[in-house]
Amino acid sequence: MLDFEQELKNFKPSLEVEDIEDAVYQEDMSDMTELIKEIINQTK
């Protein structure tokens, strides 16, 4: 049977996940409201 406490102690997150997390936090991402406003302004 698995010892979940021991498995959690052995867990190490993937480096790819950490890289993606850093990239997401560093980006200035627009939300849907900003995107819709920009599209409306471009069509005028």
PDB file of N, CA and C in Angstrom:
ATOM      1  N   MET A   1       0.833  -1.186   0.000  1.00  0.00           N
ATOM      2  CA  MET A   1       0.000   0.000   0.000  1.00  0.00           C
ATOM      3  C   MET A   1       0.883   1.258   0.000  1.00  0.00           C
ATOM      4  N   LEU A   2       0.396   2.310  -0.625  1.00  0.00           N
ATOM      5  CA  LEU A   2       1.179   3.541  -0.717  1.00  0.00           C
ATOM      6  C   LEU A   2       1.147   4.322   0.595  1.00  0.00           C
ATOM      7  N   ASP A   3       2.293   4.876   0.937  1.00  0.00           N
ATOM      8  CA  ASP A   3       2.387   5.783   2.069  1.00  0.00           C
ATOM      9  C   ASP A   3       2.366   7.204   1.492  1.00  0.00           C
ATOM     10  N   PHE A   4       1.199   7.834   1.529  1.00  0.00           N
ATOM     11  CA  PHE A   4       1.036   9.132   0.876  1.00  0.00           C
ATOM     12  C   PHE A   4       1.919  10.209   1.493  1.00  0.00           C
ATOM     13  N   GLU A   5       2.119  10.155   2.791  1.00  0.00           N
ATOM     14  CA  GLU A   5       2.983  11.151   3.434  1.00  0.00           C
ATOM     15  C   GLU A   5       4.405  11.050   2.897  1.00  0.00           C
ATOM     16  N   GLN A   6       4.892   9.829   2.746  1.00  0.00           N
ATOM     17  CA  GLN A   6       6.247   9.633   2.209  1.00  0.00           C
ATOM     18  C   GLN A   6       6.316  10.057   0.745  1.00  0.00           C
ATOM     19  N   GLU A   7       5.289   9.742  -0.017  1.00  0.00           N
ATOM     20  CA  GLU A   7       5.264  10.144  -1.433  1.00  0.00           C
ATOM     21  C   GLU A   7       5.279  11.656  -1.567  1.00  0.00           C
ATOM     22  N   LEU A   8       4.550  12.358  -0.708  1.00  0.00           N
ATOM     23  CA  LEU A   8       4.545  13.825  -0.754  1.00  0.00           C
ATOM     24  C   LEU A   8       5.918  14.397  -0.410  1.00  0.00           C
ATOM     25  N   LYS A   9       6.607  13.763   0.510  1.00  0.00           N
ATOM     26  CA  LYS A   9       7.955  14.222   0.861  1.00  0.00           C
ATOM     27  C   LYS A   9       8.910  14.056  -0.319  1.00  0.00           C
ATOM     28  N   ASN A  10       8.703  13.025  -1.123  1.00  0.00           N
ATOM     29  CA  ASN A  10       9.581  12.750  -2.265  1.00  0.00           C
ATOM     30  C   ASN A  10       9.220  13.560  -3.502  1.00  0.00           C
ATOM     31  N   PHE A  11       8.077  14.213  -3.491  1.00  0.00           N
ATOM     32  CA  PHE A  11       7.597  14.933  -4.671  1.00  0.00           C
ATOM     33  C   PHE A  11       8.474  16.137  -4.970  1.00  0.00           C
ATOM     34  N   LYS A  12       8.857  16.266  -6.245  1.00  0.00           N
ATOM     35  CA  LYS A  12       9.583  17.443  -6.724  1.00  0.00           C
ATOM     36  C   LYS A  12       8.886  17.912  -7.993  1.00  0.00           C
ATOM     37  N   PRO A  13       8.434  19.168  -8.033  1.00  0.00           N
ATOM     38  CA  PRO A  13       7.718  19.642  -9.221  1.00  0.00           C
ATOM     39  C   PRO A  13       8.631  19.669 -10.443  1.00  0.00           C
ATOM     40  N   SER A  14       8.017  19.502 -11.576  1.00  0.00           N
ATOM     41  CA  SER A  14       8.743  19.536 -12.842  1.00  0.00           C
ATOM     42  C   SER A  14       9.304  20.933 -13.073  1.00  0.00           C
ATOM     43  N   LEU A  15      10.505  21.007 -13.603  1.00  0.00           N
ATOM     44  CA  LEU A  15      11.097  22.308 -13.916  1.00  0.00           C
ATOM     45  C   LEU A  15      10.282  23.040 -14.967  1.00  0.00           C
ATOM     46  N   GLU A  16       9.659  22.306 -15.873  1.00  0.00           N
ATOM     47  CA  GLU A  16       8.853  22.935 -16.906  1.00  0.00           C
ATOM     48  C   GLU A  16       7.702  23.725 -16.288  1.00  0.00           C
ATOM     49  N   VAL A  17       7.081  23.172 -15.265  1.00  0.00           N
ATOM     50  CA  VAL A  17       5.967  23.854 -14.604  1.00  0.00           C
ATOM     51  C   VAL A  17       6.459  25.144 -13.969  1.00  0.00           C
ATOM     52  N   GLU A  18       7.605  25.090 -13.306  1.00  0.00           N
ATOM     53  CA  GLU A  18       8.147  26.299 -12.681  1.00  0.00           C
ATOM     54  C   GLU A  18       8.490  27.355 -13.726  1.00  0.00           C
ATOM     55  N   ASP A  19       9.034  26.933 -14.865  1.00  0.00           N
ATOM     56  CA  ASP A  19       9.360  27.880 -15.933  1.00  0.00           C
ATOM     57  C   ASP A  19       8.112  28.546 -16.478  1.00  0.00           C
ATOM     58  N   ILE A  20       7.072  27.766 -16.676  1.00  0.00           N
ATOM     59  CA  ILE A  20       5.810  28.308 -17.188  1.00  0.00           C
ATOM     60  C   ILE A  20       5.209  29.279 -16.184  1.00  0.00           C
ATOM     61  N   GLU A  21       5.253  28.919 -14.912  1.00  0.00           N
ATOM     62  CA  GLU A  21       4.706  29.788 -13.874  1.00  0.00           C
ATOM     63  C   GLU A  21       5.402  31.142 -13.885  1.00  0.00           C
ATOM     64  N   ASP A  22       6.727  31.149 -13.968  1.00  0.00           N
ATOM     65  CA  ASP A  22       7.477  32.410 -14.005  1.00  0.00           C
ATOM     66  C   ASP A  22       7.108  33.229 -15.233  1.00  0.00           C
ATOM     67  N   ALA A  23       6.986  32.576 -16.376  1.00  0.00           N
ATOM     68  CA  ALA A  23       6.652  33.281 -17.611  1.00  0.00           C
ATOM     69  C   ALA A  23       5.266  33.907 -17.529  1.00  0.00           C
ATOM     70  N   VAL A  24       4.322  33.201 -16.949  1.00  0.00           N
ATOM     71  CA  VAL A  24       2.955  33.719 -16.841  1.00  0.00           C
ATOM     72  C   VAL A  24       2.926  34.935 -15.927  1.00  0.00           C
ATOM     73  N   TYR A  25       3.620  34.866 -14.809  1.00  0.00           N
ATOM     74  CA  TYR A  25       3.603  35.993 -13.878  1.00  0.00           C
ATOM     75  C   TYR A  25       4.320  37.213 -14.437  1.00  0.00           C
ATOM     76  N   GLN A  26       5.292  37.021 -15.317  1.00  0.00           N
ATOM     77  CA  GLN A  26       6.042  38.143 -15.871  1.00  0.00           C
ATOM     78  C   GLN A  26       5.315  38.819 -17.021  1.00  0.00           C
ATOM     79  N   GLU A  27       4.409  38.129 -17.665  1.00  0.00           N
ATOM     80  CA  GLU A  27       3.677  38.699 -18.800  1.00  0.00           C
ATOM     81  C   GLU A  27       2.594  39.652 -18.314  1.00  0.00           C
ATOM     82  N   ASP A  28       2.374  40.707 -19.076  1.00  0.00           N
ATOM     83  CA  ASP A  28       1.262  41.619 -18.811  1.00  0.00           C
ATOM     84  C   ASP A  28       0.101  41.124 -19.663  1.00  0.00           C
ATOM     85  N   MET A  29      -0.704  40.274 -19.089  1.00  0.00           N
ATOM     86  CA  MET A  29      -1.773  39.626 -19.845  1.00  0.00           C
ATOM     87  C   MET A  29      -3.062  40.450 -19.755  1.00  0.00           C
ATOM     88  N   SER A  30      -3.711  40.591 -20.875  1.00  0.00           N
ATOM     89  CA  SER A  30      -4.974  41.320 -20.917  1.00  0.00           C
ATOM     90  C   SER A  30      -6.109  40.376 -20.543  1.00  0.00           C
ATOM     91  N   ASP A  31      -7.113  40.933 -19.874  1.00  0.00           N
ATOM     92  CA  ASP A  31      -8.279  40.100 -19.607  1.00  0.00           C
ATOM     93  C   ASP A  31      -9.285  40.279 -20.746  1.00  0.00           C
ATOM     94  N   MET A  32     -10.357  39.531 -20.701  1.00  0.00           N
ATOM     95  CA  MET A  32     -11.328  39.531 -21.801  1.00  0.00           C
ATOM     96  C   MET A  32     -11.957  40.911 -22.002  1.00  0.00           C
ATOM     97  N   THR A  33     -12.203  41.639 -20.929  1.00  0.00           N
ATOM     98  CA  THR A  33     -12.809  42.967 -21.047  1.00  0.00           C
ATOM     99  C   THR A  33     -11.906  43.900 -21.849  1.00  0.00           C
ATOM    100  N   GLU A  34     -10.620  43.877 -21.551  1.00  0.00           N
ATOM    101  CA  GLU A  34      -9.677  44.732 -22.284  1.00  0.00           C
ATOM    102  C   GLU A  34      -9.612  44.339 -23.757  1.00  0.00           C
ATOM    103  N   LEU A  35      -9.644  43.048 -24.030  1.00  0.00           N
ATOM    104  CA  LEU A  35      -9.590  42.588 -25.420  1.00  0.00           C
ATOM    105  C   LEU A  35     -10.834  43.020 -26.195  1.00  0.00           C
ATOM    106  N   ILE A  36     -11.997  42.914 -25.573  1.00  0.00           N
ATOM    107  CA  ILE A  36     -13.244  43.300 -26.250  1.00  0.00           C
ATOM    108  C   ILE A  36     -13.245  44.801 -26.504  1.00  0.00           C
ATOM    109  N   LYS A  37     -12.810  45.589 -25.525  1.00  0.00           N
ATOM    110  CA  LYS A  37     -12.731  47.037 -25.716  1.00  0.00           C
ATOM    111  C   LYS A  37     -11.795  47.397 -26.874  1.00  0.00           C
ATOM    112  N   GLU A  38     -10.673  46.710 -26.963  1.00  0.00           N
ATOM    113  CA  GLU A  38      -9.717  46.976 -28.048  1.00  0.00           C
ATOM    114  C   GLU A  38     -10.326  46.633 -29.405  1.00  0.00           C
ATOM    115  N   ILE A  39     -11.055  45.526 -29.489  1.00  0.00           N
ATOM    116  CA  ILE A  39     -11.688  45.138 -30.741  1.00  0.00           C
ATOM    117  C   ILE A  39     -12.750  46.164 -31.141  1.00  0.00           C
ATOM    118  N   ILE A  40     -13.535  46.632 -30.170  1.00  0.00           N
ATOM    119  CA  ILE A  40     -14.560  47.629 -30.457  1.00  0.00           C
ATOM    120  C   ILE A  40     -13.919  48.926 -30.955  1.00  0.00           C
ATOM    121  N   ASN A  41     -12.842  49.333 -30.307  1.00  0.00           N
ATOM    122  CA  ASN A  41     -12.149  50.566 -30.730  1.00  0.00           C
ATOM    123  C   ASN A  41     -11.557  50.441 -32.127  1.00  0.00           C
ATOM    124  N   GLN A  42     -11.091  49.261 -32.487  1.00  0.00           N
ATOM    125  CA  GLN A  42     -10.501  49.053 -33.801  1.00  0.00           C
ATOM    126  C   GLN A  42     -11.572  49.073 -34.909  1.00  0.00           C
ATOM    127  N   THR A  43     -12.795  48.700 -34.574  1.00  0.00           N
ATOM    128  CA  THR A  43     -13.847  48.654 -35.587  1.00  0.00           C
ATOM    129  C   THR A  43     -14.474  50.018 -35.823  1.00  0.00           C
ATOM    130  N   LYS A  44     -14.223  50.967 -34.954  1.00  0.00           N
ATOM    131  CA  LYS A  44     -14.803  52.309 -35.100  1.00  0.00           C
ATOM    132  C   LYS A  44     -14.079  53.105 -36.144  1.00  0.00           C
TER     133      LYS A  44
END
